[in-house]
Amino acid sequence: MKRIEGQVRGVAKMIDEDKYCIDILTQVSAINAALHKVSVQLVEDHIGHCVVDAAKTSLQTGDESHVNGKVAEASAAIARLVR
């Protein structure tokens, strides 16, 4: 995230210095790719920890709402990412 933050500051500086538009767009594309990578990792972490823990709780309690809720959260997050 610090690297992305630095990239964003760099783009702001490029804009302030009236740099070539295509060079700015190249940097914006790099920022988008980095944010996408972070987003995918967060979804993986959510599934690997929160969904798995909810599935264990659902098995232990017999209440499927725990896992259903976490799966719904993951599905909504993925839907936002692919828009």
PDB file of N, CA and C in Angstrom:
ATOM      1  N   MET A   1       0.821  -1.186   0.000  1.00  0.00           N
ATOM      2  CA  MET A   1       0.000   0.000   0.000  1.00  0.00           C
ATOM      3  C   MET A   1       0.874   1.262   0.000  1.00  0.00           C
ATOM      4  N   LYS A   2       2.002   1.200   0.666  1.00  0.00           N
ATOM      5  CA  LYS A   2       2.893   2.367   0.672  1.00  0.00           C
ATOM      6  C   LYS A   2       3.409   2.645  -0.735  1.00  0.00           C
ATOM      7  N   ARG A   3       3.694   1.577  -1.490  1.00  0.00           N
ATOM      8  CA  ARG A   3       4.174   1.745  -2.859  1.00  0.00           C
ATOM      9  C   ARG A   3       3.086   2.401  -3.715  1.00  0.00           C
ATOM     10  N   ILE A   4       1.857   1.938  -3.544  1.00  0.00           N
ATOM     11  CA  ILE A   4       0.736   2.509  -4.301  1.00  0.00           C
ATOM     12  C   ILE A   4       0.554   3.978  -3.922  1.00  0.00           C
ATOM     13  N   GLU A   5       0.652   4.253  -2.636  1.00  0.00           N
ATOM     14  CA  GLU A   5       0.537   5.635  -2.176  1.00  0.00           C
ATOM     15  C   GLU A   5       1.604   6.514  -2.834  1.00  0.00           C
ATOM     16  N   GLY A   6       2.820   5.995  -2.918  1.00  0.00           N
ATOM     17  CA  GLY A   6       3.893   6.732  -3.577  1.00  0.00           C
ATOM     18  C   GLY A   6       3.621   6.940  -5.054  1.00  0.00           C
ATOM     19  N   GLN A   7       3.056   5.910  -5.697  1.00  0.00           N
ATOM     20  CA  GLN A   7       2.718   6.041  -7.112  1.00  0.00           C
ATOM     21  C   GLN A   7       1.659   7.127  -7.323  1.00  0.00           C
ATOM     22  N   VAL A   8       0.674   7.166  -6.451  1.00  0.00           N
ATOM     23  CA  VAL A   8      -0.384   8.170  -6.572  1.00  0.00           C
ATOM     24  C   VAL A   8       0.202   9.576  -6.384  1.00  0.00           C
ATOM     25  N   ARG A   9       1.067   9.718  -5.406  1.00  0.00           N
ATOM     26  CA  ARG A   9       1.714  11.025  -5.212  1.00  0.00           C
ATOM     27  C   ARG A   9       2.525  11.402  -6.449  1.00  0.00           C
ATOM     28  N   GLY A  10       3.180  10.398  -7.056  1.00  0.00           N
ATOM     29  CA  GLY A  10       3.955  10.649  -8.263  1.00  0.00           C
ATOM     30  C   GLY A  10       3.086  11.110  -9.411  1.00  0.00           C
ATOM     31  N   VAL A  11       1.909  10.520  -9.549  1.00  0.00           N
ATOM     32  CA  VAL A  11       0.987  10.933 -10.605  1.00  0.00           C
ATOM     33  C   VAL A  11       0.505  12.359 -10.347  1.00  0.00           C
ATOM     34  N   ALA A  12       0.201  12.669  -9.101  1.00  0.00           N
ATOM     35  CA  ALA A  12      -0.231  14.036  -8.775  1.00  0.00           C
ATOM     36  C   ALA A  12       0.861  15.041  -9.155  1.00  0.00           C
ATOM     37  N   LYS A  13       2.100  14.689  -8.876  1.00  0.00           N
ATOM     38  CA  LYS A  13       3.222  15.564  -9.230  1.00  0.00           C
ATOM     39  C   LYS A  13       3.340  15.692 -10.746  1.00  0.00           C
ATOM     40  N   MET A  14       3.161  14.574 -11.459  1.00  0.00           N
ATOM     41  CA  MET A  14       3.224  14.609 -12.921  1.00  0.00           C
ATOM     42  C   MET A  14       2.147  15.549 -13.488  1.00  0.00           C
ATOM     43  N   ILE A  15       0.967  15.488 -12.901  1.00  0.00           N
ATOM     44  CA  ILE A  15      -0.118  16.352 -13.353  1.00  0.00           C
ATOM     45  C   ILE A  15       0.225  17.809 -13.073  1.00  0.00           C
ATOM     46  N   ASP A  16       0.722  18.069 -11.857  1.00  0.00           N
ATOM     47  CA  ASP A  16       1.109  19.438 -11.493  1.00  0.00           C
ATOM     48  C   ASP A  16       2.188  19.987 -12.426  1.00  0.00           C
ATOM     49  N   GLU A  17       3.076  19.100 -12.863  1.00  0.00           N
ATOM     50  CA  GLU A  17       4.182  19.518 -13.731  1.00  0.00           C
ATOM     51  C   GLU A  17       3.806  19.456 -15.210  1.00  0.00           C
ATOM     52  N   ASP A  18       2.531  19.170 -15.479  1.00  0.00           N
ATOM     53  CA  ASP A  18       2.018  19.126 -16.848  1.00  0.00           C
ATOM     54  C   ASP A  18       2.806  18.165 -17.740  1.00  0.00           C
ATOM     55  N   LYS A  19       3.058  16.964 -17.200  1.00  0.00           N
ATOM     56  CA  LYS A  19       3.777  15.934 -17.960  1.00  0.00           C
ATOM     57  C   LYS A  19       2.894  15.392 -19.075  1.00  0.00           C
ATOM     58  N   TYR A  20       3.503  14.668 -19.975  1.00  0.00           N
ATOM     59  CA  TYR A  20       2.828  14.100 -21.139  1.00  0.00           C
ATOM     60  C   TYR A  20       1.697  13.169 -20.687  1.00  0.00           C
ATOM     61  N   CYS A  21       0.502  13.362 -21.261  1.00  0.00           N
ATOM     62  CA  CYS A  21      -0.698  12.628 -20.833  1.00  0.00           C
ATOM     63  C   CYS A  21      -0.524  11.113 -20.885  1.00  0.00           C
ATOM     64  N   ILE A  22       0.103  10.623 -21.929  1.00  0.00           N
ATOM     65  CA  ILE A  22       0.271   9.176 -22.075  1.00  0.00           C
ATOM     66  C   ILE A  22       1.154   8.621 -20.968  1.00  0.00           C
ATOM     67  N   ASP A  23       2.156   9.365 -20.562  1.00  0.00           N
ATOM     68  CA  ASP A  23       3.002   8.919 -19.445  1.00  0.00           C
ATOM     69  C   ASP A  23       2.201   8.854 -18.143  1.00  0.00           C
ATOM     70  N   ILE A  24       1.326   9.825 -17.937  1.00  0.00           N
ATOM     71  CA  ILE A  24       0.466   9.826 -16.751  1.00  0.00           C
ATOM     72  C   ILE A  24      -0.481   8.634 -16.797  1.00  0.00           C
ATOM     73  N   LEU A  25      -1.087   8.401 -17.963  1.00  0.00           N
ATOM     74  CA  LEU A  25      -2.007   7.267 -18.098  1.00  0.00           C
ATOM     75  C   LEU A  25      -1.302   5.939 -17.863  1.00  0.00           C
ATOM     76  N   THR A  26      -0.056   5.831 -18.265  1.00  0.00           N
ATOM     77  CA  THR A  26       0.723   4.619 -18.015  1.00  0.00           C
ATOM     78  C   THR A  26       0.872   4.394 -16.514  1.00  0.00           C
ATOM     79  N   GLN A  27       1.134   5.464 -15.785  1.00  0.00           N
ATOM     80  CA  GLN A  27       1.267   5.348 -14.328  1.00  0.00           C
ATOM     81  C   GLN A  27      -0.062   5.027 -13.663  1.00  0.00           C
ATOM     82  N   VAL A  28      -1.139   5.617 -14.164  1.00  0.00           N
ATOM     83  CA  VAL A  28      -2.471   5.310 -13.623  1.00  0.00           C
ATOM     84  C   VAL A  28      -2.785   3.830 -13.840  1.00  0.00           C
ATOM     85  N   SER A  29      -2.421   3.317 -14.997  1.00  0.00           N
ATOM     86  CA  SER A  29      -2.629   1.889 -15.280  1.00  0.00           C
ATOM     87  C   SER A  29      -1.848   1.014 -14.299  1.00  0.00           C
ATOM     88  N   ALA A  30      -0.629   1.409 -13.999  1.00  0.00           N
ATOM     89  CA  ALA A  30       0.180   0.659 -13.035  1.00  0.00           C
ATOM     90  C   ALA A  30      -0.450   0.688 -11.649  1.00  0.00           C
ATOM     91  N   ILE A  31      -1.003   1.828 -11.266  1.00  0.00           N
ATOM     92  CA  ILE A  31      -1.685   1.951  -9.974  1.00  0.00           C
ATOM     93  C   ILE A  31      -2.908   1.039  -9.942  1.00  0.00           C
ATOM     94  N   ASN A  32      -3.690   1.056 -11.015  1.00  0.00           N
ATOM     95  CA  ASN A  32      -4.867   0.185 -11.081  1.00  0.00           C
ATOM     96  C   ASN A  32      -4.485  -1.280 -10.959  1.00  0.00           C
ATOM     97  N   ALA A  33      -3.417  -1.679 -11.625  1.00  0.00           N
ATOM     98  CA  ALA A  33      -2.968  -3.074 -11.547  1.00  0.00           C
ATOM     99  C   ALA A  33      -2.537  -3.434 -10.124  1.00  0.00           C
ATOM    100  N   ALA A  34      -1.845  -2.519  -9.471  1.00  0.00           N
ATOM    101  CA  ALA A  34      -1.413  -2.768  -8.094  1.00  0.00           C
ATOM    102  C   ALA A  34      -2.607  -2.869  -7.149  1.00  0.00           C
ATOM    103  N   LEU A  35      -3.596  -1.997  -7.329  1.00  0.00           N
ATOM    104  CA  LEU A  35      -4.806  -2.058  -6.502  1.00  0.00           C
ATOM    105  C   LEU A  35      -5.578  -3.346  -6.757  1.00  0.00           C
ATOM    106  N   HIS A  36      -5.619  -3.773  -8.001  1.00  0.00           N
ATOM    107  CA  HIS A  36      -6.289  -5.041  -8.331  1.00  0.00           C
ATOM    108  C   HIS A  36      -5.610  -6.203  -7.605  1.00  0.00           C
ATOM    109  N   LYS A  37      -4.293  -6.196  -7.605  1.00  0.00           N
ATOM    110  CA  LYS A  37      -3.542  -7.257  -6.920  1.00  0.00           C
ATOM    111  C   LYS A  37      -3.859  -7.271  -5.418  1.00  0.00           C
ATOM    112  N   VAL A  38      -3.921  -6.100  -4.816  1.00  0.00           N
ATOM    113  CA  VAL A  38      -4.262  -6.002  -3.391  1.00  0.00           C
ATOM    114  C   VAL A  38      -5.683  -6.521  -3.167  1.00  0.00           C
ATOM    115  N   SER A  39      -6.600  -6.159  -4.035  1.00  0.00           N
ATOM    116  CA  SER A  39      -7.996  -6.590  -3.906  1.00  0.00           C
ATOM    117  C   SER A  39      -8.122  -8.104  -3.975  1.00  0.00           C
ATOM    118  N   VAL A  40      -7.436  -8.708  -4.926  1.00  0.00           N
ATOM    119  CA  VAL A  40      -7.487 -10.171  -5.066  1.00  0.00           C
ATOM    120  C   VAL A  40      -6.925 -10.833  -3.812  1.00  0.00           C
ATOM    121  N   GLN A  41      -5.844 -10.307  -3.277  1.00  0.00           N
ATOM    122  CA  GLN A  41      -5.260 -10.880  -2.066  1.00  0.00           C
ATOM    123  C   GLN A  41      -6.220 -10.761  -0.884  1.00  0.00           C
ATOM    124  N   LEU A  42      -6.921  -9.637  -0.780  1.00  0.00           N
ATOM    125  CA  LEU A  42      -7.886  -9.469   0.303  1.00  0.00           C
ATOM    126  C   LEU A  42      -9.046 -10.462   0.183  1.00  0.00           C
ATOM    127  N   VAL A  43      -9.513 -10.703  -1.040  1.00  0.00           N
ATOM    128  CA  VAL A  43     -10.573 -11.695  -1.239  1.00  0.00           C
ATOM    129  C   VAL A  43     -10.064 -13.085  -0.857  1.00  0.00           C
ATOM    130  N   GLU A  44      -8.841 -13.412  -1.277  1.00  0.00           N
ATOM    131  CA  GLU A  44      -8.261 -14.705  -0.912  1.00  0.00           C
ATOM    132  C   GLU A  44      -8.158 -14.856   0.599  1.00  0.00           C
ATOM    133  N   ASP A  45      -7.705 -13.809   1.274  1.00  0.00           N
ATOM    134  CA  ASP A  45      -7.593 -13.847   2.734  1.00  0.00           C
ATOM    135  C   ASP A  45      -8.962 -14.019   3.382  1.00  0.00           C
ATOM    136  N   HIS A  46      -9.955 -13.309   2.861  1.00  0.00           N
ATOM    137  CA  HIS A  46     -11.307 -13.418   3.412  1.00  0.00           C
ATOM    138  C   HIS A  46     -11.823 -14.852   3.289  1.00  0.00           C
ATOM    139  N   ILE A  47     -11.647 -15.417   2.111  1.00  0.00           N
ATOM    140  CA  ILE A  47     -12.118 -16.792   1.905  1.00  0.00           C
ATOM    141  C   ILE A  47     -11.310 -17.759   2.769  1.00  0.00           C
ATOM    142  N   GLY A  48     -10.000 -17.588   2.779  1.00  0.00           N
ATOM    143  CA  GLY A  48      -9.130 -18.500   3.513  1.00  0.00           C
ATOM    144  C   GLY A  48      -9.297 -18.465   5.014  1.00  0.00           C
ATOM    145  N   HIS A  49      -9.709 -17.329   5.540  1.00  0.00           N
ATOM    146  CA  HIS A  49      -9.840 -17.218   6.993  1.00  0.00           C
ATOM    147  C   HIS A  49     -11.305 -17.099   7.419  1.00  0.00           C
ATOM    148  N   CYS A  50     -11.950 -16.029   6.991  1.00  0.00           N
ATOM    149  CA  CYS A  50     -13.304 -15.751   7.473  1.00  0.00           C
ATOM    150  C   CYS A  50     -14.319 -16.795   7.015  1.00  0.00           C
ATOM    151  N   VAL A  51     -14.281 -17.158   5.745  1.00  0.00           N
ATOM    152  CA  VAL A  51     -15.251 -18.137   5.238  1.00  0.00           C
ATOM    153  C   VAL A  51     -14.968 -19.517   5.838  1.00  0.00           C
ATOM    154  N   VAL A  52     -13.704 -19.880   5.899  1.00  0.00           N
ATOM    155  CA  VAL A  52     -13.353 -21.188   6.483  1.00  0.00           C
ATOM    156  C   VAL A  52     -13.757 -21.241   7.953  1.00  0.00           C
ATOM    157  N   ASP A  53     -13.475 -20.185   8.712  1.00  0.00           N
ATOM    158  CA  ASP A  53     -13.870 -20.154  10.127  1.00  0.00           C
ATOM    159  C   ASP A  53     -15.388 -20.218  10.281  1.00  0.00           C
ATOM    160  N   ALA A  54     -16.098 -19.509   9.404  1.00  0.00           N
ATOM    161  CA  ALA A  54     -17.561 -19.545   9.461  1.00  0.00           C
ATOM    162  C   ALA A  54     -18.080 -20.938   9.124  1.00  0.00           C
ATOM    163  N   ALA A  55     -17.430 -21.616   8.180  1.00  0.00           N
ATOM    164  CA  ALA A  55     -17.838 -22.982   7.839  1.00  0.00           C
ATOM    165  C   ALA A  55     -17.639 -23.914   9.034  1.00  0.00           C
ATOM    166  N   LYS A  56     -16.528 -23.757   9.739  1.00  0.00           N
ATOM    167  CA  LYS A  56     -16.281 -24.562  10.940  1.00  0.00           C
ATOM    168  C   LYS A  56     -17.347 -24.290  12.002  1.00  0.00           C
ATOM    169  N   THR A  57     -17.676 -23.016  12.195  1.00  0.00           N
ATOM    170  CA  THR A  57     -18.703 -22.653  13.165  1.00  0.00           C
ATOM    171  C   THR A  57     -20.048 -23.239  12.760  1.00  0.00           C
ATOM    172  N   SER A  58     -20.358 -23.163  11.478  1.00  0.00           N
ATOM    173  CA  SER A  58     -21.619 -23.725  10.994  1.00  0.00           C
ATOM    174  C   SER A  58     -21.688 -25.217  11.228  1.00  0.00           C
ATOM    175  N   LEU A  59     -20.572 -25.905  11.004  1.00  0.00           N
ATOM    176  CA  LEU A  59     -20.544 -27.359  11.256  1.00  0.00           C
ATOM    177  C   LEU A  59     -20.713 -27.668  12.743  1.00  0.00           C
ATOM    178  N   GLN A  60     -20.069 -26.878  13.581  1.00  0.00           N
ATOM    179  CA  GLN A  60     -20.135 -27.110  15.021  1.00  0.00           C
ATOM    180  C   GLN A  60     -21.517 -26.807  15.588  1.00  0.00           C
ATOM    181  N   THR A  61     -22.149 -25.771  15.068  1.00  0.00           N
ATOM    182  CA  THR A  61     -23.435 -25.343  15.633  1.00  0.00           C
ATOM    183  C   THR A  61     -24.639 -25.872  14.867  1.00  0.00           C
ATOM    184  N   GLY A  62     -24.416 -26.322  13.636  1.00  0.00           N
ATOM    185  CA  GLY A  62     -25.528 -26.746  12.795  1.00  0.00           C
ATOM    186  C   GLY A  62     -26.290 -25.579  12.197  1.00  0.00           C
ATOM    187  N   ASP A  63     -25.762 -24.370  12.378  1.00  0.00           N
ATOM    188  CA  ASP A  63     -26.398 -23.153  11.865  1.00  0.00           C
ATOM    189  C   ASP A  63     -25.652 -22.690  10.618  1.00  0.00           C
ATOM    190  N   GLU A  64     -26.269 -22.899   9.471  1.00  0.00           N
ATOM    191  CA  GLU A  64     -25.625 -22.562   8.203  1.00  0.00           C
ATOM    192  C   GLU A  64     -25.539 -21.059   7.951  1.00  0.00           C
ATOM    193  N   SER A  65     -26.218 -20.259   8.740  1.00  0.00           N
ATOM    194  CA  SER A  65     -26.224 -18.814   8.495  1.00  0.00           C
ATOM    195  C   SER A  65     -24.827 -18.208   8.630  1.00  0.00           C
ATOM    196  N   HIS A  66     -23.981 -18.802   9.466  1.00  0.00           N
ATOM    197  CA  HIS A  66     -22.615 -18.278   9.627  1.00  0.00           C
ATOM    198  C   HIS A  66     -21.874 -18.313   8.304  1.00  0.00           C
ATOM    199  N   VAL A  67     -21.827 -19.479   7.691  1.00  0.00           N
ATOM    200  CA  VAL A  67     -21.094 -19.616   6.436  1.00  0.00           C
ATOM    201  C   VAL A  67     -21.824 -18.922   5.291  1.00  0.00           C
ATOM    202  N   ASN A  68     -23.140 -18.966   5.281  1.00  0.00           N
ATOM    203  CA  ASN A  68     -23.891 -18.304   4.208  1.00  0.00           C
ATOM    204  C   ASN A  68     -23.622 -16.808   4.177  1.00  0.00           C
ATOM    205  N   GLY A  69     -23.543 -16.209   5.345  1.00  0.00           N
ATOM    206  CA  GLY A  69     -23.273 -14.774   5.420  1.00  0.00           C
ATOM    207  C   GLY A  69     -21.895 -14.416   4.893  1.00  0.00           C
ATOM    208  N   LYS A  70     -20.896 -15.201   5.251  1.00  0.00           N
ATOM    209  CA  LYS A  70     -19.534 -14.925   4.792  1.00  0.00           C
ATOM    210  C   LYS A  70     -19.381 -15.189   3.301  1.00  0.00           C
ATOM    211  N   VAL A  71     -20.042 -16.212   2.792  1.00  0.00           N
ATOM    212  CA  VAL A  71     -20.005 -16.477   1.355  1.00  0.00           C
ATOM    213  C   VAL A  71     -20.685 -15.337   0.605  1.00  0.00           C
ATOM    214  N   ALA A  72     -21.784 -14.830   1.143  1.00  0.00           N
ATOM    215  CA  ALA A  72     -22.472 -13.696   0.516  1.00  0.00           C
ATOM    216  C   ALA A  72     -21.576 -12.464   0.494  1.00  0.00           C
ATOM    217  N   GLU A  73     -20.858 -12.225   1.584  1.00  0.00           N
ATOM    218  CA  GLU A  73     -19.919 -11.105   1.624  1.00  0.00           C
ATOM    219  C   GLU A  73     -18.855 -11.251   0.544  1.00  0.00           C
ATOM    220  N   ALA A  74     -18.278 -12.447   0.446  1.00  0.00           N
ATOM    221  CA  ALA A  74     -17.238 -12.692  -0.555  1.00  0.00           C
ATOM    222  C   ALA A  74     -17.791 -12.513  -1.965  1.00  0.00           C
ATOM    223  N   SER A  75     -18.985 -13.023  -2.207  1.00  0.00           N
ATOM    224  CA  SER A  75     -19.602 -12.887  -3.527  1.00  0.00           C
ATOM    225  C   SER A  75     -19.839 -11.420  -3.878  1.00  0.00           C
ATOM    226  N   ALA A  76     -20.316 -10.647  -2.929  1.00  0.00           N
ATOM    227  CA  ALA A  76     -20.554  -9.215  -3.160  1.00  0.00           C
ATOM    228  C   ALA A  76     -19.237  -8.478  -3.436  1.00  0.00           C
ATOM    229  N   ALA A  77     -18.201  -8.841  -2.705  1.00  0.00           N
ATOM    230  CA  ALA A  77     -16.893  -8.202  -2.919  1.00  0.00           C
ATOM    231  C   ALA A  77     -16.359  -8.527  -4.308  1.00  0.00           C
ATOM    232  N   ILE A  78     -16.490  -9.772  -4.720  1.00  0.00           N
ATOM    233  CA  ILE A  78     -16.035 -10.173  -6.051  1.00  0.00           C
ATOM    234  C   ILE A  78     -16.853  -9.457  -7.118  1.00  0.00           C
ATOM    235  N   ALA A  79     -18.144  -9.332  -6.923  1.00  0.00           N
ATOM    236  CA  ALA A  79     -18.989  -8.622  -7.883  1.00  0.00           C
ATOM    237  C   ALA A  79     -18.561  -7.170  -8.033  1.00  0.00           C
ATOM    238  N   ARG A  80     -18.186  -6.525  -6.914  1.00  0.00           N
ATOM    239  CA  ARG A  80     -17.707  -5.149  -6.990  1.00  0.00           C
ATOM    240  C   ARG A  80     -16.386  -5.055  -7.756  1.00  0.00           C
ATOM    241  N   LEU A  81     -15.560  -6.074  -7.612  1.00  0.00           N
ATOM    242  CA  LEU A  81     -14.261  -6.059  -8.284  1.00  0.00           C
ATOM    243  C   LEU A  81     -14.372  -6.229  -9.796  1.00  0.00           C
ATOM    244  N   VAL A  82     -15.353  -6.965 -10.242  1.00  0.00           N
ATOM    245  CA  VAL A  82     -15.454  -7.242 -11.671  1.00  0.00           C
ATOM    246  C   VAL A  82     -16.320  -6.234 -12.420  1.00  0.00           C
ATOM    247  N   ARG A  83     -16.891  -5.282 -11.727  1.00  0.00           N
ATOM    248  CA  ARG A  83     -17.680  -4.233 -12.386  1.00  0.00           C
ATOM    249  C   ARG A  83     -16.817  -3.353 -13.218  1.00  0.00           C
TER     250      ARG A  83
END
